[in-house]
Amino acid sequence: MKPASPQLRHSPARASGATLVEMLVFFSLLLVLMAIGFAAYDRVWFESRQLERRADAVRGLTQFGERWREDIRSASGPPAIHVDGRGMDIPMGALVVTWRIDGKPAFLSRTAEGERFQLAPWPLSGGSFSRIPRPNCTGWATDIRLLASRSAPRPPVLRFIAASSGTSNP
């Protein structure tokens, strides 16, 4: 009989395990993938917040536009646009309501009877008021420009148009 030669046998536990090097490679790849995922999530979250702020600004400016249109419709005479185009006086009987786009960054304000309040604390880059001649009446417009941002390099412009019912085309 021959003497038994020592054979190297792999135990079942060793065969199903992983080496330390394999585990380091696995965790390194896992960390890289997690870093990429977190960076993408952060960017999406930031863009979502920007979109939410823009939507709030547009919602508020729409309310501004409706209030401005209401003032134009109830004017007792033709509105007067300020020389710089950034303001408008709207006569309402004995009262004159002044709308103004001021400042850097710009904000909208409405003044009536010495009472002034800011309507839009949103980031505006400016705006203007203008007269639009029509055949049977006079139209009025205001353009409001939001500030440019990283997600919107070309700033959106909101235009509101109203026709004053009590005035004719001068």
N, C-alpha and C. Protein backbone atom coordinates (compact mmCIF):
# COMPACT_ATOMS: atom_id res chain seq x y z
N MET A 1 0.78 -1.17 0.00
CA MET A 1 0.00 0.00 0.00
C MET A 1 0.84 1.25 0.00
N LYS A 2 0.39 2.18 -0.73
CA LYS A 2 1.14 3.41 -0.84
C LYS A 2 0.75 4.33 0.30
N PRO A 3 1.72 5.10 0.74
CA PRO A 3 1.36 6.08 1.75
C PRO A 3 0.47 7.18 1.14
N ALA A 4 -0.42 7.62 1.91
CA ALA A 4 -1.36 8.64 1.43
C ALA A 4 -0.63 9.97 1.22
N SER A 5 -0.79 10.51 0.04
CA SER A 5 -0.16 11.80 -0.22
C SER A 5 -1.12 12.92 0.19
N PRO A 6 -0.58 13.90 0.78
CA PRO A 6 -1.45 14.99 1.22
C PRO A 6 -2.04 15.74 0.01
N GLN A 7 -3.31 15.82 -0.06
CA GLN A 7 -3.97 16.55 -1.14
C GLN A 7 -4.60 17.82 -0.55
N LEU A 8 -4.49 18.81 -1.33
CA LEU A 8 -5.11 20.07 -0.91
C LEU A 8 -6.57 20.03 -1.36
N ARG A 9 -7.38 20.06 -0.40
CA ARG A 9 -8.80 20.06 -0.72
C ARG A 9 -9.40 21.39 -0.25
N HIS A 10 -10.32 21.87 -1.04
CA HIS A 10 -11.01 23.10 -0.66
C HIS A 10 -12.25 22.71 0.11
N SER A 11 -12.39 23.31 1.24
CA SER A 11 -13.58 23.03 2.03
C SER A 11 -14.77 23.75 1.38
N PRO A 12 -16.01 23.28 1.58
CA PRO A 12 -17.17 23.94 0.99
C PRO A 12 -17.32 25.40 1.45
N ALA A 13 -16.92 25.71 2.68
CA ALA A 13 -17.04 27.07 3.17
C ALA A 13 -16.08 27.99 2.42
N ARG A 14 -14.90 27.54 2.15
CA ARG A 14 -13.90 28.34 1.45
C ARG A 14 -14.31 28.53 0.00
N ALA A 15 -14.91 27.59 -0.62
CA ALA A 15 -15.27 27.68 -2.02
C ALA A 15 -16.37 28.73 -2.24
N SER A 16 -17.25 28.94 -1.28
CA SER A 16 -18.33 29.90 -1.48
C SER A 16 -17.99 31.29 -0.95
N GLY A 17 -16.87 31.51 -0.38
CA GLY A 17 -16.49 32.80 0.19
C GLY A 17 -15.84 33.71 -0.85
N ALA A 18 -15.54 34.95 -0.43
CA ALA A 18 -14.88 35.91 -1.29
C ALA A 18 -13.59 36.35 -0.62
N THR A 19 -12.65 36.71 -1.44
CA THR A 19 -11.38 37.15 -0.88
C THR A 19 -11.50 38.62 -0.47
N LEU A 20 -10.56 39.07 0.28
CA LEU A 20 -10.55 40.45 0.73
C LEU A 20 -10.42 41.40 -0.46
N VAL A 21 -9.64 41.04 -1.43
CA VAL A 21 -9.47 41.88 -2.62
C VAL A 21 -10.78 42.01 -3.38
N GLU A 22 -11.50 40.92 -3.52
CA GLU A 22 -12.79 40.97 -4.21
C GLU A 22 -13.77 41.89 -3.47
N MET A 23 -13.78 41.81 -2.15
CA MET A 23 -14.67 42.66 -1.36
C MET A 23 -14.30 44.14 -1.50
N LEU A 24 -13.00 44.45 -1.51
CA LEU A 24 -12.56 45.84 -1.69
C LEU A 24 -12.98 46.38 -3.05
N VAL A 25 -12.85 45.57 -4.08
CA VAL A 25 -13.28 45.98 -5.42
C VAL A 25 -14.79 46.22 -5.43
N PHE A 26 -15.55 45.31 -4.84
CA PHE A 26 -17.01 45.44 -4.80
C PHE A 26 -17.43 46.72 -4.08
N PHE A 27 -16.85 46.98 -2.91
CA PHE A 27 -17.24 48.17 -2.15
C PHE A 27 -16.77 49.45 -2.85
N SER A 28 -15.64 49.40 -3.53
CA SER A 28 -15.19 50.59 -4.29
C SER A 28 -16.17 50.91 -5.40
N LEU A 29 -16.59 49.89 -6.14
CA LEU A 29 -17.57 50.11 -7.21
C LEU A 29 -18.92 50.58 -6.65
N LEU A 30 -19.31 50.01 -5.52
CA LEU A 30 -20.56 50.43 -4.89
C LEU A 30 -20.50 51.89 -4.48
N LEU A 31 -19.38 52.33 -3.91
CA LEU A 31 -19.23 53.73 -3.51
C LEU A 31 -19.26 54.66 -4.71
N VAL A 32 -18.62 54.27 -5.80
CA VAL A 32 -18.63 55.10 -7.01
C VAL A 32 -20.05 55.24 -7.54
N LEU A 33 -20.78 54.14 -7.62
CA LEU A 33 -22.16 54.19 -8.10
C LEU A 33 -23.05 55.01 -7.17
N MET A 34 -22.85 54.90 -5.86
CA MET A 34 -23.64 55.69 -4.92
C MET A 34 -23.33 57.17 -5.06
N ALA A 35 -22.06 57.52 -5.27
CA ALA A 35 -21.69 58.93 -5.43
C ALA A 35 -22.35 59.50 -6.69
N ILE A 36 -22.36 58.75 -7.77
CA ILE A 36 -23.00 59.21 -9.00
C ILE A 36 -24.51 59.37 -8.77
N GLY A 37 -25.10 58.41 -8.09
CA GLY A 37 -26.54 58.48 -7.80
C GLY A 37 -26.90 59.66 -6.93
N PHE A 38 -26.12 59.92 -5.89
CA PHE A 38 -26.39 61.06 -5.02
C PHE A 38 -26.21 62.38 -5.75
N ALA A 39 -25.21 62.47 -6.63
CA ALA A 39 -25.00 63.70 -7.41
C ALA A 39 -26.19 63.94 -8.33
N ALA A 40 -26.68 62.90 -8.97
CA ALA A 40 -27.84 63.03 -9.86
C ALA A 40 -29.08 63.43 -9.06
N TYR A 41 -29.28 62.81 -7.90
CA TYR A 41 -30.43 63.14 -7.05
C TYR A 41 -30.35 64.60 -6.60
N ASP A 42 -29.17 65.06 -6.23
CA ASP A 42 -29.00 66.44 -5.77
C ASP A 42 -29.34 67.42 -6.89
N ARG A 43 -28.89 67.12 -8.09
CA ARG A 43 -29.19 68.00 -9.22
C ARG A 43 -30.69 68.03 -9.52
N VAL A 44 -31.34 66.88 -9.51
CA VAL A 44 -32.79 66.82 -9.76
C VAL A 44 -33.53 67.57 -8.66
N TRP A 45 -33.12 67.43 -7.41
CA TRP A 45 -33.78 68.12 -6.31
C TRP A 45 -33.62 69.64 -6.46
N PHE A 46 -32.42 70.09 -6.82
CA PHE A 46 -32.16 71.52 -7.01
C PHE A 46 -33.02 72.06 -8.15
N GLU A 47 -33.07 71.37 -9.27
CA GLU A 47 -33.87 71.81 -10.41
C GLU A 47 -35.36 71.83 -10.06
N SER A 48 -35.78 70.87 -9.26
CA SER A 48 -37.18 70.83 -8.83
C SER A 48 -37.52 72.05 -7.99
N ARG A 49 -36.64 72.43 -7.09
CA ARG A 49 -36.86 73.62 -6.25
C ARG A 49 -36.88 74.89 -7.12
N GLN A 50 -35.99 74.97 -8.11
CA GLN A 50 -35.98 76.12 -9.02
C GLN A 50 -37.31 76.21 -9.78
N LEU A 51 -37.77 75.07 -10.27
CA LEU A 51 -39.04 75.04 -11.01
C LEU A 51 -40.19 75.46 -10.10
N GLU A 52 -40.16 75.02 -8.86
CA GLU A 52 -41.21 75.40 -7.91
C GLU A 52 -41.21 76.90 -7.66
N ARG A 53 -40.01 77.49 -7.51
CA ARG A 53 -39.92 78.94 -7.31
C ARG A 53 -40.43 79.71 -8.52
N ARG A 54 -40.06 79.24 -9.72
CA ARG A 54 -40.54 79.88 -10.95
C ARG A 54 -42.06 79.79 -11.05
N ALA A 55 -42.60 78.63 -10.73
CA ALA A 55 -44.06 78.45 -10.79
C ALA A 55 -44.74 79.39 -9.81
N ASP A 56 -44.18 79.56 -8.61
CA ASP A 56 -44.74 80.50 -7.63
C ASP A 56 -44.69 81.93 -8.16
N ALA A 57 -43.58 82.29 -8.81
CA ALA A 57 -43.45 83.63 -9.37
C ALA A 57 -44.48 83.86 -10.46
N VAL A 58 -44.65 82.90 -11.35
CA VAL A 58 -45.63 83.05 -12.43
C VAL A 58 -47.04 83.12 -11.86
N ARG A 59 -47.33 82.31 -10.85
CA ARG A 59 -48.65 82.35 -10.20
C ARG A 59 -48.90 83.73 -9.58
N GLY A 60 -47.93 84.24 -8.88
CA GLY A 60 -48.09 85.56 -8.27
C GLY A 60 -48.19 86.67 -9.30
N LEU A 61 -47.41 86.57 -10.36
CA LEU A 61 -47.46 87.59 -11.40
C LEU A 61 -48.79 87.52 -12.16
N THR A 62 -49.37 86.35 -12.26
CA THR A 62 -50.69 86.24 -12.87
C THR A 62 -51.72 86.98 -12.02
N GLN A 63 -51.61 86.87 -10.71
CA GLN A 63 -52.49 87.62 -9.83
C GLN A 63 -52.26 89.13 -10.00
N PHE A 64 -50.98 89.52 -10.15
CA PHE A 64 -50.67 90.93 -10.42
C PHE A 64 -51.36 91.37 -11.70
N GLY A 65 -51.24 90.56 -12.75
CA GLY A 65 -51.82 90.91 -14.03
C GLY A 65 -53.33 91.08 -13.96
N GLU A 66 -53.99 90.22 -13.21
CA GLU A 66 -55.44 90.34 -13.06
C GLU A 66 -55.82 91.59 -12.29
N ARG A 67 -55.05 91.92 -11.27
CA ARG A 67 -55.35 93.14 -10.50
C ARG A 67 -55.10 94.39 -11.35
N TRP A 68 -54.02 94.38 -12.14
CA TRP A 68 -53.71 95.50 -13.02
C TRP A 68 -54.81 95.65 -14.07
N ARG A 69 -55.26 94.55 -14.66
CA ARG A 69 -56.36 94.60 -15.65
C ARG A 69 -57.63 95.17 -15.03
N GLU A 70 -57.91 94.76 -13.80
CA GLU A 70 -59.09 95.27 -13.09
C GLU A 70 -59.00 96.78 -12.92
N ASP A 71 -57.80 97.28 -12.56
CA ASP A 71 -57.62 98.73 -12.42
C ASP A 71 -57.79 99.43 -13.77
N ILE A 72 -57.27 98.86 -14.85
CA ILE A 72 -57.41 99.46 -16.18
C ILE A 72 -58.88 99.52 -16.58
N ARG A 73 -59.60 98.42 -16.36
CA ARG A 73 -61.02 98.37 -16.74
C ARG A 73 -61.87 99.36 -15.96
N SER A 74 -61.50 99.61 -14.71
CA SER A 74 -62.30 100.53 -13.89
C SER A 74 -61.75 101.96 -13.90
N ALA A 75 -60.85 102.26 -14.82
CA ALA A 75 -60.28 103.62 -14.91
C ALA A 75 -61.36 104.61 -15.34
N SER A 76 -61.31 105.82 -14.75
CA SER A 76 -62.27 106.86 -15.10
C SER A 76 -61.76 107.74 -16.24
N GLY A 77 -60.52 107.55 -16.63
CA GLY A 77 -59.92 108.31 -17.73
C GLY A 77 -58.76 107.52 -18.30
N PRO A 78 -58.12 108.05 -19.32
CA PRO A 78 -57.00 107.31 -19.91
C PRO A 78 -55.80 107.25 -18.96
N PRO A 79 -55.19 106.09 -18.79
CA PRO A 79 -53.98 105.99 -17.96
C PRO A 79 -52.83 106.76 -18.58
N ALA A 80 -51.92 107.20 -17.74
CA ALA A 80 -50.73 107.92 -18.21
C ALA A 80 -49.49 107.09 -17.89
N ILE A 81 -48.70 106.84 -18.91
CA ILE A 81 -47.47 106.08 -18.72
C ILE A 81 -46.35 107.05 -18.37
N HIS A 82 -45.53 106.70 -17.39
CA HIS A 82 -44.41 107.54 -16.99
C HIS A 82 -43.40 107.60 -18.13
N VAL A 83 -42.60 108.64 -18.14
CA VAL A 83 -41.64 108.87 -19.23
C VAL A 83 -40.68 107.69 -19.40
N ASP A 84 -40.25 107.07 -18.30
CA ASP A 84 -39.30 105.96 -18.40
C ASP A 84 -39.98 104.64 -18.79
N GLY A 85 -41.30 104.62 -18.88
CA GLY A 85 -42.03 103.42 -19.27
C GLY A 85 -42.17 102.39 -18.16
N ARG A 86 -41.65 102.70 -16.98
CA ARG A 86 -41.67 101.74 -15.88
C ARG A 86 -42.77 102.02 -14.87
N GLY A 87 -43.64 102.96 -15.19
CA GLY A 87 -44.73 103.28 -14.29
C GLY A 87 -45.96 103.71 -15.05
N MET A 88 -47.10 103.65 -14.37
CA MET A 88 -48.37 104.02 -14.99
C MET A 88 -49.29 104.58 -13.92
N ASP A 89 -49.92 105.73 -14.23
CA ASP A 89 -50.91 106.32 -13.35
C ASP A 89 -52.28 106.05 -13.94
N ILE A 90 -53.17 105.47 -13.13
CA ILE A 90 -54.52 105.12 -13.58
C ILE A 90 -55.51 105.94 -12.77
N PRO A 91 -56.23 106.88 -13.43
CA PRO A 91 -57.21 107.68 -12.70
C PRO A 91 -58.46 106.85 -12.38
N MET A 92 -58.92 106.97 -11.15
CA MET A 92 -60.13 106.29 -10.70
C MET A 92 -60.96 107.30 -9.91
N GLY A 93 -61.68 108.12 -10.62
CA GLY A 93 -62.43 109.19 -9.95
C GLY A 93 -61.46 110.21 -9.38
N ALA A 94 -61.58 110.50 -8.09
CA ALA A 94 -60.68 111.44 -7.43
C ALA A 94 -59.35 110.78 -7.05
N LEU A 95 -59.29 109.49 -7.18
CA LEU A 95 -58.11 108.71 -6.78
C LEU A 95 -57.25 108.39 -8.00
N VAL A 96 -55.94 108.40 -7.83
CA VAL A 96 -55.02 107.97 -8.88
C VAL A 96 -54.22 106.79 -8.34
N VAL A 97 -54.29 105.68 -9.04
CA VAL A 97 -53.54 104.48 -8.66
C VAL A 97 -52.27 104.44 -9.51
N THR A 98 -51.14 104.28 -8.86
CA THR A 98 -49.86 104.24 -9.56
C THR A 98 -49.28 102.84 -9.48
N TRP A 99 -48.98 102.29 -10.65
CA TRP A 99 -48.27 101.02 -10.74
C TRP A 99 -46.85 101.34 -11.14
N ARG A 100 -45.87 100.66 -10.52
CA ARG A 100 -44.46 100.96 -10.79
C ARG A 100 -43.64 99.68 -10.75
N ILE A 101 -42.66 99.60 -11.64
CA ILE A 101 -41.68 98.51 -11.65
C ILE A 101 -40.34 99.17 -11.34
N ASP A 102 -39.80 98.90 -10.15
CA ASP A 102 -38.60 99.60 -9.67
C ASP A 102 -37.51 98.64 -9.26
N GLY A 103 -36.30 99.20 -9.16
CA GLY A 103 -35.21 98.54 -8.47
C GLY A 103 -34.42 97.53 -9.26
N LYS A 104 -33.35 97.11 -8.66
CA LYS A 104 -32.48 96.05 -9.16
C LYS A 104 -32.18 95.13 -8.00
N PRO A 105 -32.72 93.95 -7.87
CA PRO A 105 -33.71 93.38 -8.77
C PRO A 105 -35.03 94.14 -8.68
N ALA A 106 -35.80 94.08 -9.74
CA ALA A 106 -37.03 94.85 -9.83
C ALA A 106 -38.13 94.26 -8.95
N PHE A 107 -39.05 95.09 -8.55
CA PHE A 107 -40.25 94.62 -7.86
C PHE A 107 -41.42 95.48 -8.33
N LEU A 108 -42.60 94.95 -8.18
CA LEU A 108 -43.82 95.64 -8.59
C LEU A 108 -44.46 96.29 -7.38
N SER A 109 -44.97 97.48 -7.56
CA SER A 109 -45.68 98.12 -6.46
C SER A 109 -46.92 98.81 -6.98
N ARG A 110 -47.89 98.93 -6.11
CA ARG A 110 -49.15 99.61 -6.42
C ARG A 110 -49.39 100.61 -5.30
N THR A 111 -49.58 101.88 -5.67
CA THR A 111 -49.81 102.94 -4.68
C THR A 111 -51.18 103.56 -4.93
N ALA A 112 -51.95 103.65 -3.88
CA ALA A 112 -53.25 104.30 -3.96
C ALA A 112 -53.51 104.99 -2.63
N GLU A 113 -53.89 106.29 -2.68
CA GLU A 113 -54.18 107.09 -1.49
C GLU A 113 -53.03 107.06 -0.49
N GLY A 114 -51.81 107.17 -0.96
CA GLY A 114 -50.65 107.18 -0.08
C GLY A 114 -50.31 105.84 0.52
N GLU A 115 -51.02 104.83 0.14
CA GLU A 115 -50.80 103.47 0.65
C GLU A 115 -50.01 102.70 -0.40
N ARG A 116 -48.84 102.24 -0.05
CA ARG A 116 -47.99 101.56 -1.01
C ARG A 116 -47.70 100.16 -0.51
N PHE A 117 -47.80 99.21 -1.40
CA PHE A 117 -47.41 97.87 -1.03
C PHE A 117 -46.77 97.17 -2.21
N GLN A 118 -45.85 96.32 -1.87
CA GLN A 118 -45.11 95.56 -2.88
C GLN A 118 -45.92 94.33 -3.24
N LEU A 119 -46.08 94.09 -4.52
CA LEU A 119 -46.90 92.97 -4.96
C LEU A 119 -46.09 91.73 -5.29
N ALA A 120 -44.88 91.90 -5.74
CA ALA A 120 -44.14 90.72 -6.21
C ALA A 120 -42.73 90.70 -5.64
N PRO A 121 -42.49 89.88 -4.63
CA PRO A 121 -41.13 89.77 -4.11
C PRO A 121 -40.29 88.77 -4.91
N TRP A 122 -40.73 88.42 -6.12
CA TRP A 122 -40.03 87.44 -6.92
C TRP A 122 -38.89 88.09 -7.67
N PRO A 123 -37.93 87.31 -8.11
CA PRO A 123 -36.76 87.87 -8.81
C PRO A 123 -37.12 88.34 -10.22
N LEU A 124 -37.28 89.64 -10.36
CA LEU A 124 -37.60 90.22 -11.66
C LEU A 124 -36.41 90.99 -12.18
N SER A 125 -36.23 90.99 -13.49
CA SER A 125 -35.15 91.78 -14.06
C SER A 125 -35.66 93.11 -14.58
N GLY A 126 -36.97 93.28 -14.64
CA GLY A 126 -37.52 94.55 -15.08
C GLY A 126 -38.85 94.37 -15.76
N GLY A 127 -39.27 95.44 -16.41
CA GLY A 127 -40.54 95.40 -17.11
C GLY A 127 -40.89 96.78 -17.62
N SER A 128 -42.01 96.87 -18.31
CA SER A 128 -42.43 98.15 -18.85
C SER A 128 -43.93 98.16 -19.08
N PHE A 129 -44.48 99.38 -19.20
CA PHE A 129 -45.87 99.59 -19.54
C PHE A 129 -45.91 100.24 -20.91
N SER A 130 -46.92 99.92 -21.71
CA SER A 130 -47.02 100.53 -23.04
C SER A 130 -48.48 100.67 -23.46
N ARG A 131 -48.69 101.53 -24.45
CA ARG A 131 -50.01 101.80 -25.01
C ARG A 131 -50.11 101.05 -26.33
N ILE A 132 -51.27 100.43 -26.58
CA ILE A 132 -51.48 99.70 -27.83
C ILE A 132 -52.70 100.31 -28.50
N PRO A 133 -52.51 101.11 -29.55
CA PRO A 133 -53.66 101.71 -30.22
C PRO A 133 -54.48 100.64 -30.95
N ARG A 134 -55.79 100.70 -30.78
CA ARG A 134 -56.73 99.80 -31.45
C ARG A 134 -57.75 100.66 -32.21
N PRO A 135 -58.47 100.08 -33.16
CA PRO A 135 -59.42 100.89 -33.93
C PRO A 135 -60.52 101.56 -33.09
N ASN A 136 -61.12 100.84 -32.13
CA ASN A 136 -62.25 101.38 -31.39
C ASN A 136 -61.96 101.68 -29.92
N CYS A 137 -60.80 101.33 -29.44
CA CYS A 137 -60.45 101.59 -28.04
C CYS A 137 -58.93 101.65 -27.93
N THR A 138 -58.46 101.85 -26.73
CA THR A 138 -57.02 101.85 -26.49
C THR A 138 -56.67 100.67 -25.61
N GLY A 139 -55.70 99.92 -26.03
CA GLY A 139 -55.22 98.80 -25.23
C GLY A 139 -53.98 99.21 -24.48
N TRP A 140 -53.74 98.53 -23.39
CA TRP A 140 -52.57 98.80 -22.55
C TRP A 140 -51.88 97.48 -22.28
N ALA A 141 -50.58 97.52 -22.20
CA ALA A 141 -49.82 96.28 -21.98
C ALA A 141 -48.74 96.52 -20.94
N THR A 142 -48.40 95.47 -20.24
CA THR A 142 -47.23 95.49 -19.37
C THR A 142 -46.45 94.20 -19.60
N ASP A 143 -45.16 94.34 -19.73
CA ASP A 143 -44.26 93.20 -19.90
C ASP A 143 -43.43 93.07 -18.64
N ILE A 144 -43.42 91.89 -18.05
CA ILE A 144 -42.67 91.62 -16.83
C ILE A 144 -41.63 90.56 -17.15
N ARG A 145 -40.35 90.86 -16.89
CA ARG A 145 -39.27 89.91 -17.17
C ARG A 145 -38.74 89.32 -15.87
N LEU A 146 -38.73 88.00 -15.81
CA LEU A 146 -38.13 87.31 -14.68
C LEU A 146 -36.62 87.29 -14.86
N LEU A 147 -35.89 87.12 -13.77
CA LEU A 147 -34.44 87.01 -13.85
C LEU A 147 -34.03 85.72 -14.54
N ALA A 148 -32.93 85.77 -15.24
CA ALA A 148 -32.37 84.55 -15.85
C ALA A 148 -31.80 83.68 -14.73
N SER A 149 -31.77 82.40 -14.96
CA SER A 149 -31.19 81.47 -14.00
C SER A 149 -30.40 80.42 -14.76
N ARG A 150 -29.76 79.55 -14.02
CA ARG A 150 -28.98 78.50 -14.64
C ARG A 150 -29.87 77.58 -15.48
N SER A 151 -31.08 77.31 -14.97
CA SER A 151 -31.99 76.43 -15.70
C SER A 151 -32.77 77.18 -16.78
N ALA A 152 -32.85 78.51 -16.69
CA ALA A 152 -33.54 79.31 -17.71
C ALA A 152 -32.66 80.47 -18.10
N PRO A 153 -31.63 80.24 -18.94
CA PRO A 153 -30.71 81.33 -19.29
C PRO A 153 -31.37 82.47 -20.06
N ARG A 154 -32.46 82.16 -20.76
CA ARG A 154 -33.21 83.21 -21.44
C ARG A 154 -34.45 83.49 -20.58
N PRO A 155 -34.49 84.65 -19.93
CA PRO A 155 -35.56 84.89 -18.96
C PRO A 155 -36.93 84.96 -19.61
N PRO A 156 -37.93 84.35 -18.98
CA PRO A 156 -39.28 84.43 -19.52
C PRO A 156 -39.86 85.83 -19.35
N VAL A 157 -40.69 86.23 -20.30
CA VAL A 157 -41.38 87.51 -20.26
C VAL A 157 -42.88 87.23 -20.23
N LEU A 158 -43.56 87.81 -19.25
CA LEU A 158 -45.01 87.68 -19.16
C LEU A 158 -45.62 88.98 -19.66
N ARG A 159 -46.57 88.89 -20.57
CA ARG A 159 -47.24 90.08 -21.11
C ARG A 159 -48.70 90.04 -20.71
N PHE A 160 -49.15 91.16 -20.14
CA PHE A 160 -50.54 91.32 -19.77
C PHE A 160 -51.12 92.46 -20.61
N ILE A 161 -52.29 92.23 -21.19
CA ILE A 161 -52.93 93.22 -22.04
C ILE A 161 -54.33 93.48 -21.50
N ALA A 162 -54.71 94.76 -21.47
CA ALA A 162 -56.05 95.13 -21.01
C ALA A 162 -56.56 96.28 -21.86
N ALA A 163 -57.86 96.33 -22.03
CA ALA A 163 -58.51 97.43 -22.72
C ALA A 163 -59.35 98.20 -21.71
N SER A 164 -59.17 99.50 -21.70
CA SER A 164 -59.95 100.31 -20.77
C SER A 164 -61.31 100.60 -21.41
N SER A 165 -62.35 100.27 -20.69
CA SER A 165 -63.71 100.39 -21.23
C SER A 165 -64.22 101.82 -21.23
N GLY A 166 -63.74 102.63 -20.30
CA GLY A 166 -64.27 103.98 -20.16
C GLY A 166 -63.57 105.02 -21.00
N THR A 167 -62.57 104.66 -21.78
CA THR A 167 -61.83 105.64 -22.55
C THR A 167 -61.90 105.29 -24.02
N SER A 168 -61.82 106.29 -24.83
CA SER A 168 -61.76 106.05 -26.28
C SER A 168 -60.33 106.17 -26.74
N ASN A 169 -60.11 105.87 -27.98
CA ASN A 169 -58.76 105.95 -28.54
C ASN A 169 -58.40 107.40 -28.80
N PRO A 170 -57.42 107.96 -28.06
CA PRO A 170 -57.08 109.38 -28.25
C PRO A 170 -56.32 109.61 -29.54
